[in-house]
Amino acid sequence: MRLMLLLAAICVSGCATSVVDYKSGTDFSIYQQASVRKDDSQKDTSIDTVRIQAALKKHLPEQGLTVAMSDAQLEVVGRLVEYSRYEGNQVSWGFGGARDSLAIGLSAPISADERKQYRLEIEFVDIATKQVVWKAKSTQAMDENYGAEKRDKWIDKNVARMLMRYPPK
């Protein structure tokens, strides 16, 4: 029974691919057209930025939004946010005893490796008010060592999953 519960918990946690936040009271039915733009904080257009924009243009119509250059009510911005993950690489344990006692010991990692990873963020900005009305963040991370094909697939899959949660119910 415990094994079944553990497997169910693993399956459910594997499905959590994004965290969504939105401005309460927003009437999302008024948004029919969206423009896709790059994040202003990026100095140049990276290959990943182009991948994100292509995935947004591909998947926005599935959510009822027409991709337009003019007359759009929303600006859609996608970006990768870098963060570091530290993994301990040494754990040691031991046991010992004295006259009338027995002891077991465990030590924490004494060194760690830093791995750079990226999470995807998508924001919908109301053009008239300049306010973010919907935002999603991926809970899965893209490793810095992914090759071109794996990056393409990861970005496309995560954009599609995140946009499935728009508009909020």
N, C-alpha and C. Protein backbone atom coordinates (compact mmCIF):
# COMPACT_ATOMS: atom_id res chain seq x y z
N MET A 1 0.82 -1.20 0.00
CA MET A 1 0.00 0.00 0.00
C MET A 1 0.87 1.26 0.00
N ARG A 2 1.93 1.25 0.82
CA ARG A 2 2.81 2.42 0.86
C ARG A 2 3.49 2.65 -0.48
N LEU A 3 3.85 1.56 -1.14
CA LEU A 3 4.46 1.68 -2.45
C LEU A 3 3.52 2.32 -3.45
N MET A 4 2.25 1.97 -3.40
CA MET A 4 1.26 2.57 -4.31
C MET A 4 1.12 4.07 -4.06
N LEU A 5 1.08 4.46 -2.78
CA LEU A 5 0.98 5.88 -2.45
C LEU A 5 2.21 6.65 -2.92
N LEU A 6 3.39 6.04 -2.76
CA LEU A 6 4.61 6.67 -3.20
C LEU A 6 4.62 6.85 -4.71
N LEU A 7 4.21 5.83 -5.45
CA LEU A 7 4.14 5.93 -6.91
C LEU A 7 3.13 6.98 -7.36
N ALA A 8 2.00 7.04 -6.68
CA ALA A 8 0.98 8.05 -7.01
C ALA A 8 1.53 9.46 -6.76
N ALA A 9 2.25 9.66 -5.66
CA ALA A 9 2.83 10.97 -5.35
C ALA A 9 3.86 11.37 -6.39
N ILE A 10 4.65 10.41 -6.84
CA ILE A 10 5.66 10.70 -7.86
C ILE A 10 4.99 11.09 -9.18
N CYS A 11 3.93 10.36 -9.55
CA CYS A 11 3.22 10.68 -10.80
C CYS A 11 2.59 12.06 -10.74
N VAL A 12 1.96 12.41 -9.63
CA VAL A 12 1.32 13.71 -9.50
C VAL A 12 2.35 14.82 -9.50
N SER A 13 3.48 14.61 -8.81
CA SER A 13 4.50 15.66 -8.79
C SER A 13 5.14 15.84 -10.16
N GLY A 14 5.19 14.79 -10.96
CA GLY A 14 5.73 14.90 -12.31
C GLY A 14 4.84 15.71 -13.23
N CYS A 15 3.57 15.84 -12.89
CA CYS A 15 2.62 16.58 -13.72
C CYS A 15 2.65 18.07 -13.44
N ALA A 16 3.22 18.49 -12.32
CA ALA A 16 3.27 19.90 -11.97
C ALA A 16 4.32 20.59 -12.83
N THR A 17 3.89 21.23 -13.90
CA THR A 17 4.84 21.82 -14.83
C THR A 17 4.86 23.34 -14.80
N SER A 18 3.93 23.95 -14.10
CA SER A 18 3.94 25.41 -14.06
C SER A 18 3.15 25.93 -12.87
N VAL A 19 3.52 27.14 -12.50
CA VAL A 19 2.81 27.87 -11.46
C VAL A 19 2.21 29.09 -12.14
N VAL A 20 0.91 29.28 -11.96
CA VAL A 20 0.21 30.37 -12.65
C VAL A 20 -0.30 31.39 -11.64
N ASP A 21 -0.16 32.65 -11.99
CA ASP A 21 -0.70 33.75 -11.19
C ASP A 21 -1.41 34.69 -12.17
N TYR A 22 -2.46 35.34 -11.70
CA TYR A 22 -3.17 36.28 -12.56
C TYR A 22 -3.82 37.36 -11.72
N LYS A 23 -4.14 38.48 -12.39
CA LYS A 23 -4.77 39.61 -11.72
C LYS A 23 -6.25 39.29 -11.51
N SER A 24 -6.66 39.24 -10.27
CA SER A 24 -8.06 38.93 -9.94
C SER A 24 -8.99 39.96 -10.54
N GLY A 25 -10.14 39.50 -10.97
CA GLY A 25 -11.15 40.39 -11.52
C GLY A 25 -10.96 40.73 -12.99
N THR A 26 -9.94 40.18 -13.60
CA THR A 26 -9.69 40.47 -15.02
C THR A 26 -10.66 39.67 -15.89
N ASP A 27 -11.25 40.34 -16.86
CA ASP A 27 -12.12 39.68 -17.83
C ASP A 27 -11.25 39.25 -19.01
N PHE A 28 -10.82 38.00 -19.02
CA PHE A 28 -9.91 37.51 -20.04
C PHE A 28 -10.59 37.33 -21.40
N SER A 29 -11.91 37.40 -21.44
CA SER A 29 -12.62 37.24 -22.71
C SER A 29 -12.43 38.46 -23.62
N ILE A 30 -11.99 39.59 -23.07
CA ILE A 30 -11.78 40.78 -23.90
C ILE A 30 -10.50 40.70 -24.73
N TYR A 31 -9.64 39.78 -24.38
CA TYR A 31 -8.37 39.65 -25.09
C TYR A 31 -8.53 38.68 -26.25
N GLN A 32 -8.41 39.22 -27.45
CA GLN A 32 -8.54 38.41 -28.66
C GLN A 32 -7.24 38.35 -29.46
N GLN A 33 -6.43 39.41 -29.36
CA GLN A 33 -5.20 39.48 -30.14
C GLN A 33 -4.02 39.76 -29.23
N ALA A 34 -2.90 39.13 -29.57
CA ALA A 34 -1.69 39.29 -28.77
C ALA A 34 -0.49 39.47 -29.69
N SER A 35 0.44 40.29 -29.23
CA SER A 35 1.71 40.42 -29.95
C SER A 35 2.79 39.76 -29.09
N VAL A 36 3.74 39.15 -29.75
CA VAL A 36 4.84 38.47 -29.05
C VAL A 36 6.06 39.37 -29.18
N ARG A 37 6.66 39.69 -28.05
CA ARG A 37 7.85 40.53 -28.10
C ARG A 37 8.93 39.94 -27.20
N LYS A 38 10.14 40.39 -27.41
CA LYS A 38 11.25 39.90 -26.58
C LYS A 38 11.31 40.70 -25.28
N ASP A 39 11.91 40.11 -24.31
CA ASP A 39 12.07 40.74 -23.00
C ASP A 39 13.03 41.92 -23.14
N ASP A 40 12.62 43.11 -22.68
CA ASP A 40 13.45 44.30 -22.78
C ASP A 40 14.73 44.21 -21.96
N SER A 41 14.76 43.35 -20.95
CA SER A 41 15.95 43.25 -20.11
C SER A 41 17.07 42.47 -20.80
N GLN A 42 16.75 41.80 -21.90
CA GLN A 42 17.78 41.08 -22.65
C GLN A 42 18.45 42.03 -23.62
N LYS A 43 19.78 42.02 -23.63
CA LYS A 43 20.53 42.94 -24.48
C LYS A 43 20.50 42.53 -25.95
N ASP A 44 20.42 41.24 -26.19
CA ASP A 44 20.38 40.78 -27.57
C ASP A 44 19.33 39.67 -27.69
N THR A 45 19.10 39.26 -28.89
CA THR A 45 18.14 38.19 -29.12
C THR A 45 18.91 36.88 -29.21
N SER A 46 18.81 36.07 -28.19
CA SER A 46 19.53 34.81 -28.18
C SER A 46 18.76 33.76 -28.98
N ILE A 47 19.41 32.67 -29.22
CA ILE A 47 18.75 31.57 -29.94
C ILE A 47 17.56 31.06 -29.13
N ASP A 48 17.70 31.00 -27.81
CA ASP A 48 16.59 30.55 -26.97
C ASP A 48 15.42 31.53 -27.02
N THR A 49 15.69 32.83 -27.10
CA THR A 49 14.62 33.81 -27.21
C THR A 49 13.83 33.58 -28.50
N VAL A 50 14.53 33.31 -29.57
CA VAL A 50 13.87 33.02 -30.85
C VAL A 50 13.02 31.75 -30.72
N ARG A 51 13.55 30.74 -30.03
CA ARG A 51 12.79 29.50 -29.81
C ARG A 51 11.51 29.77 -29.02
N ILE A 52 11.62 30.59 -27.98
CA ILE A 52 10.46 30.90 -27.14
C ILE A 52 9.41 31.66 -27.96
N GLN A 53 9.84 32.64 -28.72
CA GLN A 53 8.90 33.41 -29.55
C GLN A 53 8.21 32.53 -30.57
N ALA A 54 8.94 31.61 -31.18
CA ALA A 54 8.33 30.70 -32.16
C ALA A 54 7.31 29.79 -31.49
N ALA A 55 7.63 29.29 -30.30
CA ALA A 55 6.70 28.42 -29.58
C ALA A 55 5.45 29.19 -29.16
N LEU A 56 5.61 30.44 -28.73
CA LEU A 56 4.45 31.26 -28.36
C LEU A 56 3.55 31.49 -29.57
N LYS A 57 4.14 31.84 -30.70
CA LYS A 57 3.35 32.09 -31.91
C LYS A 57 2.63 30.81 -32.36
N LYS A 58 3.24 29.69 -32.12
CA LYS A 58 2.63 28.40 -32.50
C LYS A 58 1.47 28.04 -31.58
N HIS A 59 1.60 28.27 -30.27
CA HIS A 59 0.62 27.77 -29.30
C HIS A 59 -0.43 28.79 -28.84
N LEU A 60 -0.20 30.08 -29.04
CA LEU A 60 -1.20 31.07 -28.63
C LEU A 60 -2.54 30.88 -29.35
N PRO A 61 -2.58 30.60 -30.66
CA PRO A 61 -3.88 30.38 -31.31
C PRO A 61 -4.68 29.21 -30.72
N GLU A 62 -4.00 28.22 -30.15
CA GLU A 62 -4.69 27.10 -29.50
C GLU A 62 -5.50 27.57 -28.29
N GLN A 63 -5.15 28.73 -27.75
CA GLN A 63 -5.85 29.28 -26.58
C GLN A 63 -6.80 30.39 -26.99
N GLY A 64 -7.07 30.54 -28.27
CA GLY A 64 -8.04 31.52 -28.74
C GLY A 64 -7.49 32.91 -28.95
N LEU A 65 -6.17 33.05 -29.00
CA LEU A 65 -5.56 34.36 -29.22
C LEU A 65 -4.93 34.41 -30.61
N THR A 66 -5.27 35.44 -31.36
CA THR A 66 -4.68 35.66 -32.67
C THR A 66 -3.37 36.42 -32.48
N VAL A 67 -2.32 35.96 -33.12
CA VAL A 67 -1.04 36.66 -33.03
C VAL A 67 -1.07 37.79 -34.06
N ALA A 68 -0.91 39.03 -33.57
CA ALA A 68 -1.01 40.21 -34.43
C ALA A 68 0.12 41.18 -34.11
N MET A 69 0.50 41.97 -35.08
CA MET A 69 1.52 42.99 -34.86
C MET A 69 0.90 44.31 -34.42
N SER A 70 -0.33 44.58 -34.88
CA SER A 70 -1.02 45.82 -34.48
C SER A 70 -2.40 45.45 -33.95
N ASP A 71 -3.02 46.37 -33.26
CA ASP A 71 -4.34 46.18 -32.66
C ASP A 71 -4.40 45.05 -31.64
N ALA A 72 -3.28 44.70 -31.06
CA ALA A 72 -3.25 43.66 -30.04
C ALA A 72 -3.62 44.26 -28.69
N GLN A 73 -4.33 43.48 -27.88
CA GLN A 73 -4.67 43.92 -26.52
C GLN A 73 -3.64 43.45 -25.50
N LEU A 74 -2.88 42.43 -25.88
CA LEU A 74 -1.88 41.85 -24.97
C LEU A 74 -0.51 41.83 -25.62
N GLU A 75 0.51 42.03 -24.80
CA GLU A 75 1.88 41.75 -25.20
C GLU A 75 2.29 40.50 -24.44
N VAL A 76 2.83 39.54 -25.14
CA VAL A 76 3.25 38.30 -24.51
C VAL A 76 4.78 38.26 -24.52
N VAL A 77 5.35 38.10 -23.34
CA VAL A 77 6.80 38.09 -23.18
C VAL A 77 7.20 36.76 -22.55
N GLY A 78 8.16 36.10 -23.18
CA GLY A 78 8.71 34.87 -22.62
C GLY A 78 10.19 35.03 -22.38
N ARG A 79 10.67 34.43 -21.30
CA ARG A 79 12.10 34.54 -20.98
C ARG A 79 12.55 33.31 -20.20
N LEU A 80 13.84 33.05 -20.26
CA LEU A 80 14.45 32.02 -19.43
C LEU A 80 15.14 32.73 -18.26
N VAL A 81 14.87 32.25 -17.07
CA VAL A 81 15.47 32.82 -15.87
C VAL A 81 16.51 31.84 -15.34
N GLU A 82 17.74 32.31 -15.24
CA GLU A 82 18.84 31.46 -14.79
C GLU A 82 18.89 31.38 -13.28
N TYR A 83 19.19 30.21 -12.77
CA TYR A 83 19.44 30.05 -11.35
C TYR A 83 20.46 28.94 -11.16
N SER A 84 21.03 28.85 -9.99
CA SER A 84 22.03 27.83 -9.71
C SER A 84 21.46 26.79 -8.76
N ARG A 85 21.82 25.56 -9.02
CA ARG A 85 21.44 24.45 -8.15
C ARG A 85 22.73 23.82 -7.65
N TYR A 86 22.78 23.57 -6.37
CA TYR A 86 23.98 23.00 -5.77
C TYR A 86 23.69 21.57 -5.37
N GLU A 87 24.59 20.68 -5.78
CA GLU A 87 24.43 19.27 -5.46
C GLU A 87 25.63 18.83 -4.63
N GLY A 88 25.35 18.32 -3.43
CA GLY A 88 26.41 17.79 -2.59
C GLY A 88 26.94 16.51 -3.21
N ASN A 89 28.26 16.33 -3.13
CA ASN A 89 28.82 15.17 -3.80
C ASN A 89 29.50 14.17 -2.86
N GLN A 90 29.43 14.42 -1.56
CA GLN A 90 30.02 13.46 -0.64
C GLN A 90 29.18 13.36 0.62
N VAL A 91 28.74 12.18 0.92
CA VAL A 91 28.07 11.89 2.18
C VAL A 91 28.79 10.69 2.76
N SER A 92 29.11 10.78 4.04
CA SER A 92 29.79 9.64 4.65
C SER A 92 29.04 9.21 5.89
N TRP A 93 29.22 7.96 6.23
CA TRP A 93 28.58 7.42 7.42
C TRP A 93 29.52 6.42 8.08
N GLY A 94 29.23 6.13 9.29
CA GLY A 94 30.06 5.16 10.01
C GLY A 94 29.39 4.73 11.29
N PHE A 95 29.97 3.76 11.93
CA PHE A 95 29.45 3.33 13.23
C PHE A 95 30.62 2.94 14.11
N GLY A 96 30.35 2.96 15.36
CA GLY A 96 31.39 2.62 16.32
C GLY A 96 30.77 2.25 17.66
N GLY A 97 31.58 1.83 18.54
CA GLY A 97 31.06 1.43 19.83
C GLY A 97 32.11 1.59 20.91
N ALA A 98 31.62 1.65 22.12
CA ALA A 98 32.47 1.68 23.31
C ALA A 98 31.95 0.60 24.25
N ARG A 99 32.36 0.62 25.49
CA ARG A 99 32.01 -0.45 26.43
C ARG A 99 30.54 -0.83 26.41
N ASP A 100 29.68 0.09 26.74
CA ASP A 100 28.26 -0.22 26.85
C ASP A 100 27.39 0.53 25.85
N SER A 101 27.96 1.03 24.78
CA SER A 101 27.14 1.80 23.83
C SER A 101 27.57 1.53 22.39
N LEU A 102 26.65 1.82 21.52
CA LEU A 102 26.87 1.67 20.10
C LEU A 102 26.39 2.97 19.44
N ALA A 103 27.12 3.47 18.46
CA ALA A 103 26.74 4.74 17.83
C ALA A 103 26.84 4.63 16.31
N ILE A 104 25.96 5.37 15.65
CA ILE A 104 25.98 5.47 14.19
C ILE A 104 26.09 6.95 13.86
N GLY A 105 26.94 7.29 12.91
CA GLY A 105 27.12 8.69 12.54
C GLY A 105 26.94 8.91 11.05
N LEU A 106 26.52 10.12 10.70
CA LEU A 106 26.31 10.51 9.31
C LEU A 106 26.78 11.95 9.16
N SER A 107 27.56 12.22 8.12
CA SER A 107 28.02 13.60 7.92
C SER A 107 27.39 14.18 6.67
N ALA A 108 27.20 15.47 6.70
CA ALA A 108 26.61 16.20 5.58
C ALA A 108 27.65 16.36 4.47
N PRO A 109 27.22 16.71 3.27
CA PRO A 109 28.18 16.91 2.18
C PRO A 109 29.20 17.98 2.55
N ILE A 110 30.44 17.71 2.20
CA ILE A 110 31.49 18.68 2.52
C ILE A 110 31.87 19.53 1.31
N SER A 111 31.34 19.18 0.14
CA SER A 111 31.54 20.00 -1.03
C SER A 111 30.32 19.88 -1.94
N ALA A 112 30.16 20.83 -2.82
CA ALA A 112 28.99 20.82 -3.69
C ALA A 112 29.39 21.29 -5.08
N ASP A 113 28.67 20.79 -6.08
CA ASP A 113 28.87 21.22 -7.46
C ASP A 113 27.74 22.16 -7.84
N GLU A 114 28.08 23.27 -8.50
CA GLU A 114 27.07 24.22 -8.97
C GLU A 114 26.66 23.84 -10.38
N ARG A 115 25.34 23.80 -10.60
CA ARG A 115 24.80 23.55 -11.94
C ARG A 115 23.87 24.69 -12.29
N LYS A 116 24.09 25.28 -13.45
CA LYS A 116 23.21 26.35 -13.91
C LYS A 116 22.03 25.71 -14.63
N GLN A 117 20.85 26.20 -14.29
CA GLN A 117 19.62 25.73 -14.91
C GLN A 117 18.75 26.94 -15.23
N TYR A 118 17.72 26.69 -16.03
CA TYR A 118 16.84 27.77 -16.47
C TYR A 118 15.39 27.36 -16.30
N ARG A 119 14.59 28.30 -15.85
CA ARG A 119 13.14 28.12 -15.79
C ARG A 119 12.52 29.10 -16.78
N LEU A 120 11.42 28.68 -17.35
CA LEU A 120 10.72 29.49 -18.34
C LEU A 120 9.65 30.33 -17.64
N GLU A 121 9.56 31.60 -18.01
CA GLU A 121 8.51 32.49 -17.52
C GLU A 121 7.79 33.10 -18.72
N ILE A 122 6.47 33.18 -18.62
CA ILE A 122 5.66 33.83 -19.65
C ILE A 122 4.77 34.84 -18.95
N GLU A 123 4.73 36.08 -19.48
CA GLU A 123 3.87 37.12 -18.94
C GLU A 123 2.96 37.66 -20.03
N PHE A 124 1.71 37.91 -19.66
CA PHE A 124 0.75 38.58 -20.54
C PHE A 124 0.55 39.97 -19.95
N VAL A 125 0.90 40.99 -20.74
CA VAL A 125 0.81 42.38 -20.29
C VAL A 125 -0.32 43.06 -21.06
N ASP A 126 -1.27 43.65 -20.33
CA ASP A 126 -2.34 44.42 -20.94
C ASP A 126 -1.72 45.68 -21.53
N ILE A 127 -1.85 45.89 -22.83
CA ILE A 127 -1.21 47.01 -23.50
C ILE A 127 -1.79 48.36 -23.03
N ALA A 128 -3.10 48.40 -22.79
CA ALA A 128 -3.72 49.66 -22.38
C ALA A 128 -3.28 50.10 -20.99
N THR A 129 -3.19 49.17 -20.05
CA THR A 129 -2.86 49.52 -18.67
C THR A 129 -1.39 49.31 -18.32
N LYS A 130 -0.66 48.60 -19.19
CA LYS A 130 0.76 48.27 -18.95
C LYS A 130 0.95 47.41 -17.70
N GLN A 131 -0.06 46.64 -17.34
CA GLN A 131 0.01 45.77 -16.17
C GLN A 131 0.03 44.30 -16.59
N VAL A 132 0.77 43.51 -15.84
CA VAL A 132 0.78 42.07 -16.06
C VAL A 132 -0.56 41.53 -15.56
N VAL A 133 -1.27 40.80 -16.44
CA VAL A 133 -2.57 40.26 -16.05
C VAL A 133 -2.53 38.74 -15.87
N TRP A 134 -1.49 38.09 -16.41
CA TRP A 134 -1.35 36.64 -16.29
C TRP A 134 0.12 36.30 -16.38
N LYS A 135 0.56 35.37 -15.53
CA LYS A 135 1.97 34.99 -15.52
C LYS A 135 2.09 33.51 -15.19
N ALA A 136 3.01 32.83 -15.86
CA ALA A 136 3.27 31.43 -15.58
C ALA A 136 4.77 31.21 -15.48
N LYS A 137 5.15 30.31 -14.57
CA LYS A 137 6.55 29.91 -14.40
C LYS A 137 6.61 28.40 -14.45
N SER A 138 7.58 27.89 -15.18
CA SER A 138 7.74 26.44 -15.23
C SER A 138 8.35 25.95 -13.92
N THR A 139 7.93 24.77 -13.50
CA THR A 139 8.55 24.17 -12.32
C THR A 139 9.66 23.21 -12.73
N GLN A 140 9.64 22.80 -13.98
CA GLN A 140 10.73 21.98 -14.49
C GLN A 140 11.83 22.90 -14.98
N ALA A 141 13.05 22.41 -14.93
CA ALA A 141 14.19 23.24 -15.33
C ALA A 141 14.88 22.66 -16.56
N MET A 142 15.45 23.57 -17.34
CA MET A 142 16.28 23.18 -18.48
C MET A 142 17.73 23.31 -18.05
N ASP A 143 18.49 22.25 -18.23
CA ASP A 143 19.89 22.23 -17.85
C ASP A 143 20.72 23.03 -18.84
N GLU A 144 21.79 23.64 -18.37
CA GLU A 144 22.64 24.45 -19.24
C GLU A 144 23.33 23.62 -20.32
N ASN A 145 23.41 22.32 -20.13
CA ASN A 145 24.12 21.46 -21.07
C ASN A 145 23.23 20.85 -22.15
N TYR A 146 21.96 21.23 -22.20
CA TYR A 146 21.07 20.72 -23.25
C TYR A 146 21.59 21.16 -24.62
N GLY A 147 21.52 20.25 -25.57
CA GLY A 147 21.87 20.58 -26.95
C GLY A 147 20.71 21.26 -27.65
N ALA A 148 20.92 21.62 -28.92
CA ALA A 148 19.93 22.38 -29.68
C ALA A 148 18.60 21.66 -29.80
N GLU A 149 18.62 20.39 -30.16
CA GLU A 149 17.37 19.65 -30.36
C GLU A 149 16.61 19.50 -29.04
N LYS A 150 17.34 19.20 -27.97
CA LYS A 150 16.69 19.02 -26.67
C LYS A 150 16.12 20.35 -26.17
N ARG A 151 16.81 21.47 -26.42
CA ARG A 151 16.31 22.80 -26.04
C ARG A 151 15.03 23.12 -26.80
N ASP A 152 15.03 22.85 -28.12
CA ASP A 152 13.83 23.08 -28.93
C ASP A 152 12.63 22.35 -28.34
N LYS A 153 12.80 21.08 -28.06
CA LYS A 153 11.70 20.25 -27.55
C LYS A 153 11.26 20.72 -26.16
N TRP A 154 12.22 21.03 -25.28
CA TRP A 154 11.89 21.44 -23.92
C TRP A 154 11.10 22.75 -23.94
N ILE A 155 11.56 23.72 -24.71
CA ILE A 155 10.88 25.02 -24.77
C ILE A 155 9.48 24.86 -25.36
N ASP A 156 9.35 24.14 -26.47
CA ASP A 156 8.05 23.96 -27.10
C ASP A 156 7.08 23.25 -26.16
N LYS A 157 7.52 22.19 -25.52
CA LYS A 157 6.66 21.42 -24.62
C LYS A 157 6.22 22.26 -23.43
N ASN A 158 7.13 23.02 -22.84
CA ASN A 158 6.78 23.80 -21.67
C ASN A 158 5.92 25.00 -22.00
N VAL A 159 6.14 25.65 -23.14
CA VAL A 159 5.26 26.74 -23.56
C VAL A 159 3.84 26.20 -23.74
N ALA A 160 3.72 25.07 -24.42
CA ALA A 160 2.39 24.47 -24.65
C ALA A 160 1.70 24.14 -23.33
N ARG A 161 2.42 23.53 -22.40
CA ARG A 161 1.83 23.17 -21.10
C ARG A 161 1.42 24.39 -20.30
N MET A 162 2.25 25.42 -20.34
CA MET A 162 1.94 26.63 -19.57
C MET A 162 0.70 27.33 -20.16
N LEU A 163 0.63 27.42 -21.47
CA LEU A 163 -0.48 28.11 -22.10
C LEU A 163 -1.79 27.34 -21.98
N MET A 164 -1.71 26.05 -21.71
CA MET A 164 -2.95 25.27 -21.49
C MET A 164 -3.71 25.78 -20.27
N ARG A 165 -3.01 26.51 -19.40
CA ARG A 165 -3.65 27.03 -18.19
C ARG A 165 -4.16 28.45 -18.38
N TYR A 166 -4.16 28.93 -19.63
CA TYR A 166 -4.75 30.24 -19.96
C TYR A 166 -6.01 30.02 -20.77
N PRO A 167 -7.05 30.76 -20.57
CA PRO A 167 -7.28 31.70 -19.48
C PRO A 167 -7.60 30.95 -18.19
N PRO A 168 -7.40 31.61 -17.06
CA PRO A 168 -7.70 30.94 -15.79
C PRO A 168 -9.20 30.66 -15.67
N LYS A 169 -9.51 29.60 -14.99
CA LYS A 169 -10.92 29.21 -14.83
C LYS A 169 -11.52 29.88 -13.62
